[in-house]
Amino acid sequence: MAEKKIVTFESIMRDLRAGNYAPVYILMGEESYYIDKITDFISTNALTPEERDFNQSVVFGSDVSSSQIVDMARRFPMMAERQVVIVKEAQNIKNWEQLEKYVEKPVKSTVLVLCHKNGSIDGRKKILAKAAATGVVFESKKKRDYELPAFIESYLKNYGRAAIDHKSSQMIADHIGADLSRLTSELDKLILSLPENDRRVTPEVVEERIGVSKDFNAYELRSAIVNRDVLKATRILYYFNDNPKTGNAYMLIPMLFSYFQNLLIAFYAPQPKTDESVARWLDLRAGWAAKDYITGMRNYTGVKVMQIISKIRETDAKSKGLDNPNTPVGELLRELIFFILH
């Protein structure tokens, strides 16, 4: 039996840059960044500017039926090697029956791109298996918080010839979050601001160019909590209180929940609990990424971690107005941090 080919953003872009276009692309998922990058590349490079007028169609799923899309895809190109049909917001297509039949035997001179955002097509649908056999099916997943620093490091290295340390990448990730379109936009600005003779991104550079304090940020608060440093955590919370845009409950609560959720799982890691074994247990990319969990297991008991997770959930609900008539969100955050550290 043939081994199933793993389709990634990188593998798709590698083929496209080599001029290898598939007749069908189903691009789906929660993360629109990768869907847009692939679609933009095809739109810009599959045809020359002169060919585009007669051979490229861009439509929206809410405006066309599947039979109309198939009719467009079955046309032959005019004075060009191929034609391109891009369907944006394909999640709004009412009936996929005609498309399912088409992708089974697509026209080789057509590049049909279906952009299905805000979710994926049900994996049980036959169209996915048929499209995968004749073209490309790609699921664009949201980056998890712990994946963002590695994404930032890779993006700066590949697109900006710049190096960044872990603290700086974590500062940017905590400040901007998992919206890759916004994140890459900020990274592009950062790349342009770096001098040619010094392509290093340090906490000082992040503070100056992106506006994140190198001493008072979510990364440093997490570090203070991991090490149970009450004084440092208190100072950072006072800074956040005076500068609400630098840190708030809606940004910090998910970060804290993610850490303590993983910390609870780390307690069940097989003995001996080394950096490498805990990293494998938590599916982290390297041993150094587990150091905070090794430290956390020394500073917190399993019972305390379960109590903290329960308190985080309670605080999250109250921050959204549940069972909380009038306590300010900032005060809820301070109460949570006090509970964690004491």
Protein backbone atom coordinates (compact mmCIF):
# COMPACT_ATOMS: atom_id res chain seq x y z
CA MET A 1 0.00 0.00 0.00
CA ALA A 2 1.39 3.43 -0.96
CA GLU A 3 2.44 5.64 1.92
CA LYS A 4 0.12 8.61 2.46
CA LYS A 5 1.79 11.87 1.47
CA ILE A 6 1.89 14.49 4.21
CA VAL A 7 0.82 17.86 2.82
CA THR A 8 2.26 20.91 4.56
CA PHE A 9 2.36 24.60 3.76
CA GLU A 10 6.08 24.28 3.03
CA SER A 11 5.62 21.33 0.65
CA ILE A 12 2.85 23.15 -1.25
CA MET A 13 4.93 26.31 -1.60
CA ARG A 14 7.96 24.28 -2.70
CA ASP A 15 5.94 22.74 -5.54
CA LEU A 16 4.40 26.07 -6.53
CA ARG A 17 7.78 27.82 -6.67
CA ALA A 18 8.99 24.99 -8.92
CA GLY A 19 6.06 25.67 -11.26
CA ASN A 20 4.21 22.45 -10.37
CA TYR A 21 0.52 23.37 -10.15
CA ALA A 22 -2.12 20.81 -9.19
CA PRO A 23 -5.52 20.87 -10.94
CA VAL A 24 -7.38 21.11 -7.59
CA TYR A 25 -6.58 22.77 -4.26
CA ILE A 26 -8.89 22.50 -1.28
CA LEU A 27 -7.49 24.88 1.34
CA MET A 28 -9.45 24.74 4.59
CA GLY A 29 -9.14 25.44 8.29
CA GLU A 30 -9.27 27.99 11.10
CA GLU A 31 -5.98 29.74 10.23
CA SER A 32 -6.57 32.00 7.24
CA TYR A 33 -2.91 33.09 6.99
CA TYR A 34 -1.68 29.97 5.17
CA ILE A 35 -4.78 29.79 2.96
CA ASP A 36 -4.22 33.41 1.87
CA LYS A 37 -0.48 32.91 1.25
CA ILE A 38 -1.04 29.91 -1.02
CA THR A 39 -3.94 31.57 -2.86
CA ASP A 40 -2.02 34.83 -3.34
CA PHE A 41 0.97 32.97 -4.77
CA ILE A 42 -1.18 31.09 -7.28
CA SER A 43 -3.07 34.26 -8.20
CA THR A 44 0.17 36.17 -8.80
CA ASN A 45 2.38 33.53 -10.40
CA ALA A 46 0.30 30.89 -12.18
CA LEU A 47 -0.39 33.29 -15.08
CA THR A 48 1.44 36.23 -16.60
CA PRO A 49 -0.23 39.66 -16.29
CA GLU A 50 -1.25 39.45 -19.96
CA GLU A 51 -2.85 36.02 -19.52
CA ARG A 52 -4.70 36.94 -16.34
CA ASP A 53 -7.44 39.07 -17.96
CA PHE A 54 -8.98 36.15 -19.86
CA ASN A 55 -7.85 33.18 -17.79
CA GLN A 56 -8.31 34.03 -14.12
CA SER A 57 -11.68 34.06 -12.35
CA VAL A 58 -12.21 35.00 -8.70
CA VAL A 59 -15.66 34.35 -7.23
CA PHE A 60 -17.24 34.01 -3.79
CA GLY A 61 -18.98 30.90 -2.51
CA SER A 62 -22.14 32.78 -1.57
CA ASP A 63 -22.51 34.12 -5.14
CA VAL A 64 -22.12 30.91 -7.15
CA SER A 65 -23.43 27.37 -7.16
CA SER A 66 -21.23 24.29 -7.42
CA SER A 67 -22.49 23.71 -10.98
CA GLN A 68 -21.44 27.25 -11.98
CA ILE A 69 -17.97 26.65 -10.51
CA VAL A 70 -17.69 23.39 -12.46
CA ASP A 71 -18.74 25.18 -15.67
CA MET A 72 -15.94 27.73 -15.13
CA ALA A 73 -13.43 24.99 -14.35
CA ARG A 74 -14.30 23.04 -17.51
CA ARG A 75 -13.51 25.98 -19.79
CA PHE A 76 -10.27 25.84 -21.72
CA PRO A 77 -7.65 28.61 -21.39
CA MET A 78 -7.36 31.31 -24.04
CA MET A 79 -3.84 31.65 -25.47
CA ALA A 80 -2.32 30.35 -22.21
CA GLU A 81 -1.08 27.08 -20.74
CA ARG A 82 -3.69 27.12 -17.96
CA GLN A 83 -6.58 28.99 -16.42
CA VAL A 84 -7.12 29.71 -12.72
CA VAL A 85 -10.44 29.63 -10.88
CA ILE A 86 -10.34 30.85 -7.27
CA VAL A 87 -13.39 30.41 -5.04
CA LYS A 88 -13.14 32.51 -1.88
CA GLU A 89 -15.33 31.79 1.16
CA ALA A 90 -16.07 28.34 -0.24
CA GLN A 91 -17.67 27.44 3.10
CA ASN A 92 -20.75 29.30 1.81
CA ILE A 93 -21.29 26.95 -1.15
CA LYS A 94 -24.69 25.33 -0.65
CA ASN A 95 -24.26 22.01 -2.46
CA TRP A 96 -20.95 20.27 -3.15
CA GLU A 97 -22.31 17.39 -5.24
CA GLN A 98 -21.22 18.71 -8.65
CA LEU A 99 -17.79 19.70 -7.29
CA GLU A 100 -17.36 16.23 -5.85
CA LYS A 101 -17.86 14.73 -9.30
CA TYR A 102 -15.54 17.29 -10.90
CA VAL A 103 -12.54 16.80 -8.58
CA GLU A 104 -12.62 13.09 -9.36
CA LYS A 105 -11.64 13.91 -12.98
CA PRO A 106 -10.54 17.56 -13.09
CA VAL A 107 -9.51 19.40 -16.24
CA LYS A 108 -5.70 19.35 -16.34
CA SER A 109 -5.44 22.85 -17.80
CA THR A 110 -7.42 24.39 -14.91
CA VAL A 111 -6.12 25.26 -11.46
CA LEU A 112 -9.20 25.26 -9.20
CA VAL A 113 -8.62 26.74 -5.73
CA LEU A 114 -11.35 26.34 -3.09
CA CYS A 115 -10.72 28.52 -0.01
CA HIS A 116 -12.78 27.11 2.87
CA LYS A 117 -12.12 29.32 5.92
CA ASN A 118 -13.35 29.37 9.53
CA GLY A 119 -13.33 25.60 9.80
CA SER A 120 -12.67 22.43 7.86
CA ILE A 121 -14.82 20.23 5.67
CA ASP A 122 -16.14 17.14 7.45
CA GLY A 123 -13.46 14.48 7.07
CA ARG A 124 -16.13 11.92 6.14
CA LYS A 125 -17.04 13.84 2.97
CA LYS A 126 -15.98 11.97 -0.17
CA ILE A 127 -14.78 15.16 -1.84
CA LEU A 128 -11.69 15.26 0.38
CA ALA A 129 -10.47 11.79 -0.57
CA LYS A 130 -11.21 12.41 -4.24
CA ALA A 131 -9.48 15.80 -4.24
CA ALA A 132 -6.46 14.36 -2.42
CA ALA A 133 -6.13 11.71 -5.14
CA THR A 134 -6.12 14.24 -8.01
CA GLY A 135 -4.84 17.40 -6.35
CA VAL A 136 -4.02 18.93 -2.97
CA VAL A 137 -6.01 19.00 0.26
CA PHE A 138 -4.52 21.19 2.99
CA GLU A 139 -5.85 21.87 6.49
CA SER A 140 -4.60 25.17 7.91
CA LYS A 141 -4.60 24.83 11.69
CA LYS A 142 -4.31 27.58 14.27
CA LYS A 143 -0.91 27.79 15.92
CA ARG A 144 -0.93 26.88 19.58
CA ASP A 145 0.57 29.38 21.98
CA TYR A 146 3.64 27.23 22.61
CA GLU A 147 4.29 27.00 18.85
CA LEU A 148 4.46 30.77 18.31
CA PRO A 149 8.07 31.38 19.46
CA ALA A 150 9.35 28.73 17.02
CA PHE A 151 7.24 30.28 14.23
CA ILE A 152 8.67 33.72 15.01
CA GLU A 153 12.24 32.42 15.03
CA SER A 154 11.74 30.59 11.73
CA TYR A 155 10.02 33.57 10.06
CA LEU A 156 12.76 36.01 11.05
CA LYS A 157 15.48 33.62 9.92
CA ASN A 158 13.90 32.75 6.57
CA TYR A 159 12.43 36.10 5.58
CA GLY A 160 14.58 38.61 7.42
CA ARG A 161 17.97 36.94 7.84
CA ALA A 162 17.60 37.81 11.51
CA ALA A 163 18.31 35.91 14.72
CA ILE A 164 16.21 36.15 17.87
CA ASP A 165 16.63 34.74 21.37
CA HIS A 166 13.89 32.76 23.13
CA LYS A 167 12.91 35.50 25.57
CA SER A 168 12.43 38.02 22.76
CA SER A 169 10.34 35.62 20.66
CA GLN A 170 8.19 34.78 23.69
CA MET A 171 7.72 38.49 24.44
CA ILE A 172 6.44 39.08 20.90
CA ALA A 173 4.22 35.98 21.01
CA ASP A 174 2.65 36.99 24.33
CA HIS A 175 2.10 40.57 23.20
CA ILE A 176 0.61 39.90 19.75
CA GLY A 177 -0.93 36.45 20.09
CA ALA A 178 -1.78 33.76 17.55
CA ASP A 179 -3.22 35.95 14.78
CA LEU A 180 -0.55 35.09 12.20
CA SER A 181 -1.56 37.85 9.79
CA ARG A 182 -1.04 40.51 12.47
CA LEU A 183 2.03 38.74 13.83
CA THR A 184 3.80 38.55 10.47
CA SER A 185 2.87 42.17 9.75
CA GLU A 186 4.63 43.23 12.97
CA LEU A 187 7.60 40.98 12.17
CA ASP A 188 7.88 42.53 8.69
CA LYS A 189 8.07 46.00 10.27
CA LEU A 190 10.67 44.70 12.71
CA ILE A 191 12.76 43.22 9.88
CA LEU A 192 12.74 46.54 7.99
CA SER A 193 13.93 48.39 11.08
CA LEU A 194 17.01 46.20 11.63
CA PRO A 195 20.34 47.58 10.36
CA GLU A 196 22.25 45.45 7.86
CA ASN A 197 25.26 45.18 10.17
CA ASP A 198 23.27 43.84 13.15
CA ARG A 199 20.41 41.43 12.45
CA ARG A 200 19.87 40.36 16.06
CA VAL A 201 16.52 40.81 17.79
CA THR A 202 17.03 41.25 21.53
CA PRO A 203 14.61 42.16 24.35
CA GLU A 204 15.85 45.76 24.02
CA VAL A 205 15.00 45.76 20.31
CA VAL A 206 11.53 44.33 21.01
CA GLU A 207 10.97 46.98 23.68
CA GLU A 208 12.01 49.79 21.34
CA ARG A 209 10.40 48.63 18.07
CA ILE A 210 7.28 46.78 19.22
CA GLY A 211 6.64 48.54 22.50
CA VAL A 212 6.87 45.64 24.95
CA SER A 213 8.75 46.34 28.18
CA LYS A 214 11.67 43.93 28.54
CA ASP A 215 11.17 43.80 32.32
CA PHE A 216 7.39 44.05 32.68
CA ASN A 217 5.64 41.67 30.31
CA ALA A 218 3.73 38.39 30.25
CA TYR A 219 6.94 36.38 29.82
CA GLU A 220 8.48 37.87 32.97
CA LEU A 221 5.23 37.40 34.91
CA ARG A 222 5.14 33.74 33.92
CA SER A 223 8.78 33.40 34.97
CA ALA A 224 8.00 35.00 38.34
CA ILE A 225 5.09 32.60 38.89
CA VAL A 226 7.13 29.56 37.86
CA ASN A 227 9.82 30.53 40.37
CA ARG A 228 7.25 31.67 42.96
CA ASP A 229 8.88 35.09 43.11
CA VAL A 230 6.19 37.10 44.91
CA LEU A 231 8.03 40.44 44.81
CA LYS A 232 8.73 40.32 41.07
CA ALA A 233 5.18 39.22 40.24
CA THR A 234 3.74 42.03 42.37
CA ARG A 235 5.88 44.65 40.63
CA ILE A 236 4.78 43.42 37.22
CA LEU A 237 1.11 43.47 38.25
CA TYR A 238 1.45 47.07 39.46
CA TYR A 239 2.99 47.96 36.09
CA PHE A 240 0.12 46.26 34.25
CA ASN A 241 -2.36 48.13 36.41
CA ASP A 242 -0.77 51.46 35.40
CA ASN A 243 -0.34 50.37 31.75
CA PRO A 244 -3.42 48.26 30.90
CA LYS A 245 -2.44 47.75 27.25
CA THR A 246 0.76 45.92 28.22
CA GLY A 247 -0.98 43.13 30.12
CA ASN A 248 -4.57 42.29 30.96
CA ALA A 249 -6.61 39.38 32.23
CA TYR A 250 -7.89 38.41 28.77
CA MET A 251 -4.29 37.87 27.61
CA LEU A 252 -2.81 36.50 30.84
CA ILE A 253 -5.50 34.03 31.95
CA PRO A 254 -5.12 31.76 28.87
CA MET A 255 -1.33 31.86 29.30
CA LEU A 256 -1.59 30.84 32.97
CA PHE A 257 -4.13 28.12 32.21
CA SER A 258 -1.90 26.66 29.50
CA TYR A 259 1.12 26.57 31.81
CA PHE A 260 -0.63 24.97 34.80
CA GLN A 261 -2.54 22.53 32.61
CA ASN A 262 0.78 21.29 31.20
CA LEU A 263 2.34 21.35 34.66
CA LEU A 264 -0.39 19.01 35.93
CA ILE A 265 0.31 16.64 33.03
CA ALA A 266 4.05 16.87 33.78
CA PHE A 267 3.48 15.36 37.23
CA TYR A 268 2.47 12.13 35.47
CA ALA A 269 5.60 12.00 33.29
CA PRO A 270 7.59 8.75 33.71
CA GLN A 271 10.54 8.72 36.10
CA PRO A 272 13.18 10.06 36.09
CA LYS A 273 11.75 13.50 35.32
CA THR A 274 14.55 14.98 33.23
CA ASP A 275 14.32 17.92 30.82
CA GLU A 276 14.25 15.53 27.87
CA SER A 277 11.69 13.08 29.29
CA VAL A 278 9.29 15.87 30.33
CA ALA A 279 9.71 17.57 26.93
CA ARG A 280 8.75 14.32 25.18
CA TRP A 281 5.82 13.78 27.55
CA LEU A 282 4.47 17.28 26.88
CA ASP A 283 5.32 17.16 23.17
CA LEU A 284 7.67 20.14 23.46
CA ARG A 285 10.27 20.78 20.79
CA ALA A 286 13.39 20.56 22.98
CA GLY A 287 14.59 19.75 26.48
CA TRP A 288 15.17 23.40 27.39
CA ALA A 289 11.45 24.07 26.87
CA ALA A 290 10.70 21.75 29.81
CA LYS A 291 12.84 23.61 32.35
CA ASP A 292 9.92 25.77 33.54
CA TYR A 293 7.91 22.61 34.22
CA ILE A 294 10.76 20.97 36.12
CA THR A 295 10.99 24.15 38.24
CA GLY A 296 7.22 24.28 38.61
CA MET A 297 7.10 20.73 39.97
CA ARG A 298 9.60 21.76 42.65
CA ASN A 299 7.64 24.86 43.64
CA TYR A 300 4.06 23.56 43.45
CA THR A 301 2.38 20.33 44.55
CA GLY A 302 -0.02 18.42 42.34
CA VAL A 303 -2.90 19.29 44.67
CA LYS A 304 -2.03 22.99 44.56
CA VAL A 305 -1.90 22.89 40.75
CA MET A 306 -5.40 21.37 40.60
CA GLN A 307 -6.64 24.12 42.93
CA ILE A 308 -4.95 26.76 40.75
CA ILE A 309 -6.59 25.40 37.57
CA SER A 310 -9.98 25.52 39.29
CA LYS A 311 -9.30 29.11 40.41
CA ILE A 312 -8.22 30.12 36.88
CA ARG A 313 -11.50 28.75 35.48
CA GLU A 314 -13.46 30.62 38.13
CA THR A 315 -11.58 33.86 37.38
CA ASP A 316 -12.09 33.42 33.64
CA ALA A 317 -15.84 33.05 34.13
CA LYS A 318 -16.03 36.08 36.44
CA SER A 319 -13.96 38.18 34.01
CA LYS A 320 -16.70 37.50 31.46
CA GLY A 321 -19.44 38.62 33.84
CA LEU A 322 -20.62 35.27 35.25
CA ASP A 323 -21.47 35.46 38.97
CA ASN A 324 -19.60 38.75 39.16
CA PRO A 325 -21.79 41.81 39.70
CA ASN A 326 -19.11 44.48 40.13
CA THR A 327 -15.52 43.25 40.75
CA PRO A 328 -13.13 44.90 38.22
CA VAL A 329 -11.21 42.52 35.96
CA GLY A 330 -7.85 43.92 37.17
CA GLU A 331 -8.75 43.07 40.75
CA LEU A 332 -9.80 39.56 39.72
CA LEU A 333 -6.38 39.08 38.12
CA ARG A 334 -4.56 40.28 41.25
CA GLU A 335 -6.65 37.91 43.40
CA LEU A 336 -5.76 35.03 41.07
CA ILE A 337 -2.03 35.74 41.17
CA PHE A 338 -2.15 36.07 44.98
CA PHE A 339 -3.91 32.69 45.18
CA ILE A 340 -1.31 31.07 42.91
CA LEU A 341 1.69 32.38 44.84
CA HIS A 342 0.43 31.76 48.38
